[in-house]
Protein backbone atom coordinates (compact mmCIF):
# COMPACT_ATOMS: atom_id res chain seq x y z
CA MET A 1 -4.88 1.93 -13.92
CA PRO A 2 -5.82 4.54 -16.55
CA GLU A 3 -2.90 6.44 -18.05
CA GLN A 4 -4.35 9.87 -17.16
CA TRP A 5 -3.90 8.92 -13.48
CA PHE A 6 -0.20 9.55 -13.92
CA GLY A 7 -0.83 13.10 -15.13
CA GLY A 8 2.14 15.10 -16.26
CA MET A 9 5.03 16.76 -14.48
CA LYS A 10 4.90 16.40 -10.71
CA VAL A 11 6.50 18.91 -8.36
CA VAL A 12 6.55 18.74 -4.58
CA VAL A 13 6.90 22.31 -3.32
CA GLN A 14 8.18 22.81 0.20
CA ARG A 15 8.36 26.25 1.80
CA VAL A 16 11.65 26.31 3.67
CA LEU A 17 13.67 28.49 5.99
CA GLU A 18 16.77 26.82 4.55
CA ALA A 19 17.65 23.85 2.37
CA SER A 20 20.77 22.25 0.93
CA VAL A 21 21.84 19.35 -1.28
CA ALA A 22 25.06 17.34 -1.23
CA VAL A 23 26.55 14.54 -3.33
CA GLU A 24 29.29 12.32 -1.88
CA GLY A 25 29.73 14.72 1.04
CA ARG A 26 30.19 17.80 -1.18
CA GLU A 27 27.55 20.51 -0.95
CA LEU A 28 26.21 21.47 -4.38
CA GLY A 29 23.60 24.02 -3.42
CA ARG A 30 22.14 25.90 -0.47
CA ILE A 31 19.35 28.44 -0.05
CA GLY A 32 17.89 30.38 2.83
CA LYS A 33 14.22 31.29 2.85
CA GLY A 34 12.48 30.03 -0.26
CA LEU A 35 11.22 26.88 -1.91
CA LEU A 36 12.64 23.40 -2.22
CA LEU A 37 11.29 21.76 -5.37
CA LEU A 38 11.33 18.01 -5.99
CA VAL A 39 10.67 17.68 -9.73
CA GLY A 40 9.43 14.53 -11.43
CA ILE A 41 9.26 14.54 -15.23
CA SER A 42 7.09 12.10 -17.16
CA GLY A 43 7.52 10.83 -20.68
CA GLN A 44 4.58 13.06 -21.69
CA ASP A 45 6.15 16.36 -20.58
CA ASP A 46 7.59 19.03 -22.87
CA GLU A 47 8.84 22.63 -22.73
CA LYS A 48 5.28 23.98 -22.64
CA THR A 49 4.62 21.91 -19.52
CA ALA A 50 7.85 23.17 -17.93
CA ASP A 51 6.99 26.78 -18.81
CA ARG A 52 3.54 26.52 -17.28
CA MET A 53 4.78 24.78 -14.14
CA ALA A 54 7.62 27.28 -13.63
CA ASP A 55 5.16 30.16 -14.04
CA LYS A 56 2.73 28.61 -11.54
CA ILE A 57 5.47 28.01 -8.96
CA CYS A 58 6.88 31.52 -9.24
CA LYS A 59 3.41 33.02 -8.77
CA LEU A 60 2.28 30.83 -5.86
CA ARG A 61 1.31 33.05 -2.95
CA ILE A 62 2.37 30.78 -0.11
CA PHE A 63 4.47 33.05 2.07
CA GLU A 64 2.93 34.95 4.96
CA ASP A 65 2.36 38.69 4.83
CA GLU A 66 2.48 41.06 7.83
CA ASN A 67 -0.96 39.80 8.90
CA GLY A 68 0.02 36.13 8.86
CA LYS A 69 -1.96 35.40 5.66
CA THR A 70 -0.39 33.35 2.88
CA ASN A 71 -0.46 36.18 0.40
CA LEU A 72 3.13 36.66 -0.82
CA SER A 73 5.02 35.03 -3.70
CA LEU A 74 8.65 33.94 -3.88
CA ALA A 75 9.58 37.28 -5.49
CA ASP A 76 7.71 39.23 -2.80
CA VAL A 77 9.90 37.70 -0.07
CA GLY A 78 13.15 37.62 -2.10
CA GLY A 79 13.34 33.85 -1.70
CA GLY A 80 15.53 31.33 -3.45
CA LEU A 81 14.88 28.00 -5.15
CA LEU A 82 16.58 24.67 -4.65
CA VAL A 83 15.51 22.41 -7.52
CA ILE A 84 16.05 18.65 -7.22
CA SER A 85 15.20 16.08 -9.91
CA GLN A 86 13.27 13.15 -8.47
CA PHE A 87 11.98 10.46 -10.81
CA THR A 88 10.66 8.49 -7.83
CA LEU A 89 7.63 10.79 -7.80
CA TYR A 90 6.44 8.46 -10.58
CA ALA A 91 6.48 5.34 -8.42
CA ASP A 92 3.51 3.12 -9.20
CA CYS A 93 2.91 0.89 -6.18
CA HIS A 94 -0.43 -0.56 -7.22
CA LYS A 95 0.89 -4.05 -7.98
CA GLY A 96 3.15 -5.89 -5.60
CA ASN A 97 5.65 -4.28 -3.27
CA ARG A 98 8.31 -3.12 -5.69
CA PRO A 99 7.55 0.27 -7.27
CA SER A 100 7.48 0.60 -11.03
CA PHE A 101 8.84 3.76 -12.64
CA ILE A 102 7.75 3.22 -16.24
CA GLN A 103 5.83 6.51 -16.31
CA ALA A 104 8.98 8.53 -15.51
CA GLY A 105 10.63 10.26 -18.45
CA GLN A 106 13.63 8.61 -20.08
CA PRO A 107 16.84 9.99 -18.51
CA ASP A 108 18.13 11.96 -21.53
CA MET A 109 14.78 13.62 -22.19
CA ALA A 110 14.08 14.25 -18.50
CA GLN A 111 17.52 15.78 -17.92
CA ALA A 112 17.14 18.11 -20.90
CA LEU A 113 13.72 19.24 -19.65
CA TYR A 114 15.04 19.63 -16.09
CA GLU A 115 17.86 21.86 -17.39
CA TYR A 116 15.36 23.81 -19.49
CA MET A 117 13.18 24.37 -16.41
CA LEU A 118 16.20 25.54 -14.40
CA GLY A 119 16.87 28.12 -17.11
CA ARG A 120 13.28 29.36 -16.89
CA PHE A 121 13.60 29.75 -13.13
CA LYS A 122 16.94 31.56 -13.46
CA GLU A 123 15.23 34.16 -15.67
CA ARG A 124 12.87 35.01 -12.80
CA VAL A 125 14.55 34.17 -9.50
CA PRO A 126 17.90 35.65 -8.38
CA VAL A 127 19.01 32.55 -6.41
CA VAL A 128 18.46 29.15 -8.06
CA GLU A 129 20.45 26.20 -6.77
CA GLN A 130 20.25 22.62 -7.97
CA GLY A 131 21.19 19.05 -7.30
CA SER A 132 22.95 16.67 -9.68
CA PHE A 133 20.61 14.91 -12.09
CA GLY A 134 20.56 11.16 -11.46
CA ALA A 135 22.96 11.27 -8.53
CA ASP A 136 22.47 9.87 -5.04
CA MET A 137 21.78 13.15 -3.26
CA LYS A 138 21.42 14.05 0.39
CA VAL A 139 18.83 16.80 0.79
CA SER A 140 18.43 18.71 4.05
CA LEU A 141 15.74 21.22 4.83
CA VAL A 142 13.97 23.14 7.53
CA ASN A 143 10.36 23.10 6.37
CA ASP A 144 8.59 26.34 7.25
CA GLY A 145 5.15 25.58 8.60
CA PRO A 146 5.39 22.81 7.56
CA PHE A 147 3.99 23.97 4.24
CA THR A 148 4.13 21.43 1.43
CA LEU A 149 2.19 21.27 -1.84
CA ALA A 150 2.03 18.51 -4.45
CA LEU A 151 1.52 19.92 -7.96
CA ASP A 152 0.64 17.77 -10.96
CA SER A 153 0.52 19.45 -14.36
CA GLY A 154 -2.02 16.85 -15.48
CA GLU A 155 -4.41 18.21 -12.86
CA LEU A 156 -3.43 21.89 -13.00
CA PHE A 157 -3.57 22.44 -16.75
CA LYS A 158 -6.43 20.24 -17.97
C-alpha cells in the first residue's frame, strides 16, 4: 500500500449534545453541546499540521442555524470540545486479521503534539476537555444528528 494512503493527522469529528470521558471509573472531562474529537497522530505530523487541523475544526460550519441549515461554527453556538487521543485511527487491516499501527506516531512525539493541539484549541474555545493520553478510556456521547466527519490532513492540505 502506498505511504500517501496513510495521509497525515486523522480526526473523527462528532457533533454531540453531550460527551464525557472516564478512566478507571473517574470522570476526566465532560461537555454539553459541542464536538467530540478522536485524534490520531502519525509519525509525519508536526505543529504546522496541528495548527491547520485545529483551525479547520474551529471553523467548520456544522451546527444548524435557525433555518435548520448547517451554517454555524463551534464559536457561533458556544460549544465545547472533548479531545481524545486515539492511535487506533491508524490501524492498517490490509494484511491478515490483526491490525498494524506502524503509521501511528511514536508515543512521546504524539503526546507532545496532542498537548500542543490542546493548547491551540484552548486559545480559541472556552471549554476544552480531554482524556488521558495512552490510557484505557471510556467515552460516552450523545451524537447529534448523527453528524460525524472523518478529517485527514493528508487529504485536506495537499
